N, C-alpha and C. Protein backbone atom coordinates (compact mmCIF):
# COMPACT_ATOMS: atom_id res chain seq x y z
N MET A 1 0.85 -1.18 0.00
CA MET A 1 0.00 0.00 0.00
C MET A 1 0.89 1.24 0.00
N SER A 2 0.65 2.13 -0.91
CA SER A 2 1.50 3.31 -1.02
C SER A 2 1.10 4.36 0.01
N HIS A 3 1.96 5.36 0.13
CA HIS A 3 1.71 6.44 1.09
C HIS A 3 0.45 7.23 0.70
N VAL A 4 0.24 7.40 -0.60
CA VAL A 4 -0.93 8.15 -1.06
C VAL A 4 -2.22 7.42 -0.70
N THR A 5 -2.24 6.11 -0.88
CA THR A 5 -3.43 5.32 -0.55
C THR A 5 -3.69 5.34 0.94
N ALA A 6 -2.64 5.19 1.73
CA ALA A 6 -2.80 5.20 3.19
C ALA A 6 -3.30 6.55 3.67
N SER A 7 -2.78 7.63 3.15
CA SER A 7 -3.23 8.95 3.57
C SER A 7 -4.66 9.21 3.10
N PHE A 8 -5.03 8.67 1.94
CA PHE A 8 -6.41 8.82 1.46
C PHE A 8 -7.38 8.11 2.39
N PHE A 9 -7.09 6.86 2.74
CA PHE A 9 -7.98 6.12 3.63
C PHE A 9 -8.03 6.77 5.01
N PHE A 10 -6.91 7.27 5.50
CA PHE A 10 -6.90 7.95 6.79
C PHE A 10 -7.77 9.20 6.74
N SER A 11 -7.63 10.00 5.68
CA SER A 11 -8.42 11.23 5.58
C SER A 11 -9.91 10.92 5.43
N VAL A 12 -10.25 9.86 4.70
CA VAL A 12 -11.67 9.49 4.57
C VAL A 12 -12.23 9.06 5.92
N HIS A 13 -11.47 8.29 6.68
CA HIS A 13 -11.96 7.82 7.97
C HIS A 13 -12.00 8.92 9.02
N VAL A 14 -11.27 10.00 8.81
CA VAL A 14 -11.33 11.13 9.75
C VAL A 14 -12.42 12.11 9.34
N VAL A 15 -12.54 12.40 8.06
CA VAL A 15 -13.46 13.44 7.59
C VAL A 15 -14.89 12.93 7.47
N LEU A 16 -15.07 11.68 7.07
CA LEU A 16 -16.41 11.15 6.81
C LEU A 16 -17.35 11.21 8.02
N PRO A 17 -16.92 10.89 9.24
CA PRO A 17 -17.86 11.01 10.37
C PRO A 17 -18.35 12.43 10.60
N PHE A 18 -17.48 13.41 10.40
CA PHE A 18 -17.90 14.80 10.58
C PHE A 18 -18.89 15.23 9.50
N VAL A 19 -18.66 14.79 8.28
CA VAL A 19 -19.58 15.11 7.19
C VAL A 19 -20.94 14.46 7.44
N LEU A 20 -20.93 13.19 7.87
CA LEU A 20 -22.19 12.51 8.18
C LEU A 20 -22.92 13.18 9.35
N GLY A 21 -22.18 13.63 10.35
CA GLY A 21 -22.78 14.36 11.46
C GLY A 21 -23.44 15.65 11.00
N LEU A 22 -22.79 16.37 10.10
CA LEU A 22 -23.39 17.60 9.56
C LEU A 22 -24.64 17.30 8.75
N VAL A 23 -24.61 16.24 7.95
CA VAL A 23 -25.78 15.87 7.15
C VAL A 23 -26.95 15.48 8.05
N ILE A 24 -26.67 14.71 9.10
CA ILE A 24 -27.74 14.31 10.03
C ILE A 24 -28.28 15.51 10.77
N GLY A 25 -27.41 16.42 11.20
CA GLY A 25 -27.88 17.64 11.86
C GLY A 25 -28.73 18.50 10.94
N PHE A 26 -28.32 18.62 9.69
CA PHE A 26 -29.11 19.38 8.72
C PHE A 26 -30.47 18.72 8.48
N HIS A 27 -30.49 17.39 8.41
CA HIS A 27 -31.73 16.67 8.21
C HIS A 27 -32.68 16.87 9.39
N LEU A 28 -32.16 16.80 10.61
CA LEU A 28 -33.00 17.03 11.79
C LEU A 28 -33.51 18.47 11.84
N ALA A 29 -32.69 19.42 11.43
CA ALA A 29 -33.13 20.81 11.40
C ALA A 29 -34.24 21.01 10.38
N CYS A 30 -34.12 20.36 9.22
CA CYS A 30 -35.17 20.47 8.20
C CYS A 30 -36.46 19.81 8.70
N LEU A 31 -36.35 18.67 9.38
CA LEU A 31 -37.55 18.04 9.93
C LEU A 31 -38.19 18.91 10.99
N HIS A 32 -37.39 19.60 11.76
CA HIS A 32 -37.92 20.47 12.81
C HIS A 32 -38.69 21.64 12.22
N VAL A 33 -38.23 22.15 11.09
CA VAL A 33 -38.89 23.30 10.48
C VAL A 33 -40.12 22.89 9.67
N SER A 34 -39.98 21.86 8.84
CA SER A 34 -41.05 21.57 7.89
C SER A 34 -41.95 20.41 8.27
N GLY A 35 -41.57 19.59 9.23
CA GLY A 35 -42.39 18.44 9.59
C GLY A 35 -42.09 17.27 8.68
N SER A 36 -42.90 16.20 8.83
CA SER A 36 -42.64 14.98 8.08
C SER A 36 -43.95 14.32 7.68
N THR A 37 -43.94 13.67 6.53
CA THR A 37 -45.06 12.83 6.12
C THR A 37 -44.50 11.44 5.90
N GLY A 38 -45.36 10.45 5.96
CA GLY A 38 -44.90 9.09 5.76
C GLY A 38 -45.93 8.30 4.98
N ILE A 39 -45.57 7.10 4.61
CA ILE A 39 -46.47 6.24 3.86
C ILE A 39 -47.68 5.86 4.71
N THR A 40 -47.48 5.66 6.01
CA THR A 40 -48.60 5.26 6.86
C THR A 40 -49.63 6.37 7.00
N LEU A 41 -49.19 7.61 6.92
CA LEU A 41 -50.11 8.74 7.04
C LEU A 41 -50.60 9.23 5.69
N GLY A 42 -50.04 8.77 4.64
CA GLY A 42 -50.36 9.30 3.31
C GLY A 42 -49.42 10.44 3.00
N LEU A 43 -49.41 10.86 1.78
CA LEU A 43 -48.49 11.92 1.37
C LEU A 43 -49.19 13.27 1.26
N HIS A 44 -50.32 13.44 1.93
CA HIS A 44 -51.05 14.70 1.87
C HIS A 44 -50.40 15.72 2.81
N HIS A 45 -50.44 16.96 2.39
CA HIS A 45 -49.80 18.02 3.17
C HIS A 45 -50.51 18.26 4.50
N ASN A 46 -51.81 18.05 4.56
CA ASN A 46 -52.53 18.32 5.80
C ASN A 46 -52.35 17.22 6.84
N LEU A 47 -51.75 16.08 6.48
CA LEU A 47 -51.49 15.00 7.42
C LEU A 47 -50.04 15.02 7.92
N LYS A 48 -49.40 16.14 7.80
CA LYS A 48 -47.99 16.26 8.16
C LYS A 48 -47.82 16.19 9.68
N VAL A 49 -46.83 15.45 10.13
CA VAL A 49 -46.52 15.33 11.55
C VAL A 49 -45.42 16.33 11.88
N ARG A 50 -45.69 17.17 12.86
CA ARG A 50 -44.69 18.17 13.26
C ARG A 50 -43.58 17.49 14.06
N PHE A 51 -42.42 18.05 13.99
CA PHE A 51 -41.27 17.55 14.75
C PHE A 51 -41.46 18.01 16.19
N SER A 52 -41.87 17.11 17.05
CA SER A 52 -42.23 17.50 18.41
C SER A 52 -41.01 17.64 19.30
N TYR A 53 -41.24 18.20 20.46
CA TYR A 53 -40.16 18.39 21.41
C TYR A 53 -39.72 17.06 22.03
N VAL A 54 -40.57 16.04 21.94
CA VAL A 54 -40.18 14.72 22.43
C VAL A 54 -39.02 14.17 21.60
N PHE A 55 -39.11 14.32 20.27
CA PHE A 55 -38.04 13.86 19.41
C PHE A 55 -36.76 14.67 19.65
N ALA A 56 -36.92 15.97 19.84
CA ALA A 56 -35.76 16.81 20.11
C ALA A 56 -35.11 16.41 21.43
N PHE A 57 -35.92 16.09 22.43
CA PHE A 57 -35.37 15.67 23.72
C PHE A 57 -34.65 14.32 23.59
N LYS A 58 -35.24 13.40 22.83
CA LYS A 58 -34.61 12.10 22.62
C LYS A 58 -33.28 12.26 21.88
N ASP A 59 -33.24 13.13 20.89
CA ASP A 59 -32.00 13.37 20.16
C ASP A 59 -30.95 14.00 21.07
N LEU A 60 -31.38 14.94 21.90
CA LEU A 60 -30.46 15.58 22.84
C LEU A 60 -29.94 14.57 23.86
N LEU A 61 -30.81 13.70 24.35
CA LEU A 61 -30.40 12.68 25.30
C LEU A 61 -29.40 11.71 24.66
N SER A 62 -29.64 11.34 23.42
CA SER A 62 -28.70 10.47 22.71
C SER A 62 -27.35 11.15 22.51
N LEU A 63 -27.38 12.42 22.18
CA LEU A 63 -26.14 13.17 22.00
C LEU A 63 -25.36 13.26 23.31
N VAL A 64 -26.05 13.51 24.41
CA VAL A 64 -25.39 13.57 25.71
C VAL A 64 -24.77 12.22 26.06
N PHE A 65 -25.48 11.12 25.77
CA PHE A 65 -24.95 9.78 26.04
C PHE A 65 -23.69 9.52 25.21
N VAL A 66 -23.72 9.85 23.94
CA VAL A 66 -22.56 9.59 23.07
C VAL A 66 -21.37 10.45 23.48
N VAL A 67 -21.61 11.71 23.80
CA VAL A 67 -20.51 12.59 24.22
C VAL A 67 -19.94 12.12 25.55
N THR A 68 -20.79 11.67 26.48
CA THR A 68 -20.31 11.16 27.76
C THR A 68 -19.48 9.90 27.57
N LEU A 69 -19.95 8.98 26.74
CA LEU A 69 -19.18 7.77 26.47
C LEU A 69 -17.86 8.09 25.79
N PHE A 70 -17.89 9.03 24.85
CA PHE A 70 -16.68 9.43 24.14
C PHE A 70 -15.67 10.05 25.12
N ALA A 71 -16.15 10.91 26.02
CA ALA A 71 -15.27 11.54 27.00
C ALA A 71 -14.71 10.49 27.96
N PHE A 72 -15.54 9.52 28.37
CA PHE A 72 -15.08 8.46 29.26
C PHE A 72 -13.98 7.64 28.62
N VAL A 73 -14.16 7.31 27.35
CA VAL A 73 -13.15 6.51 26.65
C VAL A 73 -11.85 7.30 26.47
N LEU A 74 -11.96 8.60 26.21
CA LEU A 74 -10.76 9.40 26.03
C LEU A 74 -10.04 9.69 27.35
N LEU A 75 -10.80 9.90 28.43
CA LEU A 75 -10.19 10.24 29.71
C LEU A 75 -9.69 9.02 30.47
N PHE A 76 -10.37 7.89 30.34
CA PHE A 76 -10.00 6.67 31.05
C PHE A 76 -9.89 5.51 30.06
N PRO A 77 -8.86 5.50 29.22
CA PRO A 77 -8.80 4.50 28.15
C PRO A 77 -8.54 3.07 28.63
N LEU A 78 -7.96 2.91 29.81
CA LEU A 78 -7.60 1.57 30.27
C LEU A 78 -8.69 0.89 31.08
N VAL A 79 -9.76 1.59 31.40
CA VAL A 79 -10.81 1.01 32.23
C VAL A 79 -11.57 -0.07 31.47
N LEU A 80 -11.90 0.17 30.23
CA LEU A 80 -12.69 -0.77 29.45
C LEU A 80 -11.84 -1.79 28.69
N GLY A 81 -10.53 -1.62 28.72
CA GLY A 81 -9.66 -2.51 27.97
C GLY A 81 -9.17 -3.68 28.81
N SER A 82 -8.44 -4.55 28.17
CA SER A 82 -7.87 -5.71 28.84
C SER A 82 -6.45 -5.39 29.28
N SER A 83 -6.03 -6.00 30.39
CA SER A 83 -4.66 -5.75 30.86
C SER A 83 -3.63 -6.42 29.95
N ASP A 84 -4.06 -7.41 29.16
CA ASP A 84 -3.14 -8.07 28.23
C ASP A 84 -2.68 -7.13 27.12
N ASN A 85 -3.39 -6.07 26.91
CA ASN A 85 -2.99 -5.12 25.86
C ASN A 85 -1.75 -4.32 26.25
N ASN A 86 -1.38 -4.33 27.52
CA ASN A 86 -0.22 -3.56 27.98
C ASN A 86 1.06 -4.39 28.01
N ILE A 87 1.01 -5.66 27.67
CA ILE A 87 2.19 -6.52 27.66
C ILE A 87 2.94 -6.28 26.35
N PRO A 88 4.23 -5.98 26.42
CA PRO A 88 4.99 -5.77 25.18
C PRO A 88 5.04 -7.05 24.35
N ALA A 89 5.01 -6.90 23.05
CA ALA A 89 5.01 -8.05 22.15
C ALA A 89 6.42 -8.64 22.06
N ASN A 90 6.48 -9.96 21.99
CA ASN A 90 7.74 -10.67 21.80
C ASN A 90 7.57 -11.55 20.56
N VAL A 91 8.31 -11.22 19.51
CA VAL A 91 8.15 -11.93 18.26
C VAL A 91 8.77 -13.32 18.30
N LEU A 92 9.61 -13.61 19.28
CA LEU A 92 10.28 -14.90 19.36
C LEU A 92 9.52 -15.92 20.18
N ALA A 93 8.51 -15.48 20.93
CA ALA A 93 7.77 -16.41 21.78
C ALA A 93 6.27 -16.23 21.50
N SER A 94 5.57 -17.35 21.48
CA SER A 94 4.12 -17.26 21.28
C SER A 94 3.45 -16.94 22.61
N PRO A 95 2.25 -16.38 22.58
CA PRO A 95 1.55 -16.07 23.83
C PRO A 95 1.28 -17.33 24.65
N LEU A 96 1.06 -17.14 25.94
CA LEU A 96 0.89 -18.27 26.85
C LEU A 96 -0.38 -19.06 26.58
N HIS A 97 -1.40 -18.40 26.09
CA HIS A 97 -2.67 -19.10 25.85
C HIS A 97 -2.67 -19.89 24.55
N ILE A 98 -1.63 -19.75 23.72
CA ILE A 98 -1.52 -20.53 22.50
C ILE A 98 -0.49 -21.63 22.74
N LEU A 99 -0.95 -22.86 22.82
CA LEU A 99 -0.08 -23.99 23.11
C LEU A 99 0.07 -24.86 21.87
N PRO A 100 1.27 -25.43 21.68
CA PRO A 100 1.43 -26.36 20.55
C PRO A 100 0.69 -27.66 20.82
N GLU A 101 0.28 -28.31 19.76
CA GLU A 101 -0.46 -29.56 19.92
C GLU A 101 0.47 -30.74 20.07
C-alpha cells in the first residue's frame, strides 16, 4: 500500500464522520422546520406530523450519552480494555494461551 493510498484512507476515515454528522444535523433541522409525512399517514400536506419536542429531547439525550461515552473513553482508556494489551510483544515467543499440539 502506497503512502498516497494510506493517507487517502486515513483522511476518509477522519473526515467522513464529521460530514455525516453535519448531514444528520441538517436533516433534523429540516424536519424540525417543515415536519414529516410518511407512507402510513399518506403523502397529503394536511397529514404532516410536526417535529415535536419529544423527538428533540430524545436526540439531545442520545447526544449527551454519546458525548459522555466518548469523554469516558478518552479520559480513562484503560478502564474498558484488557490488561493483556499492555504486555509488550515478543516476536520470538508465542503467547501463553496458544499452546502447541
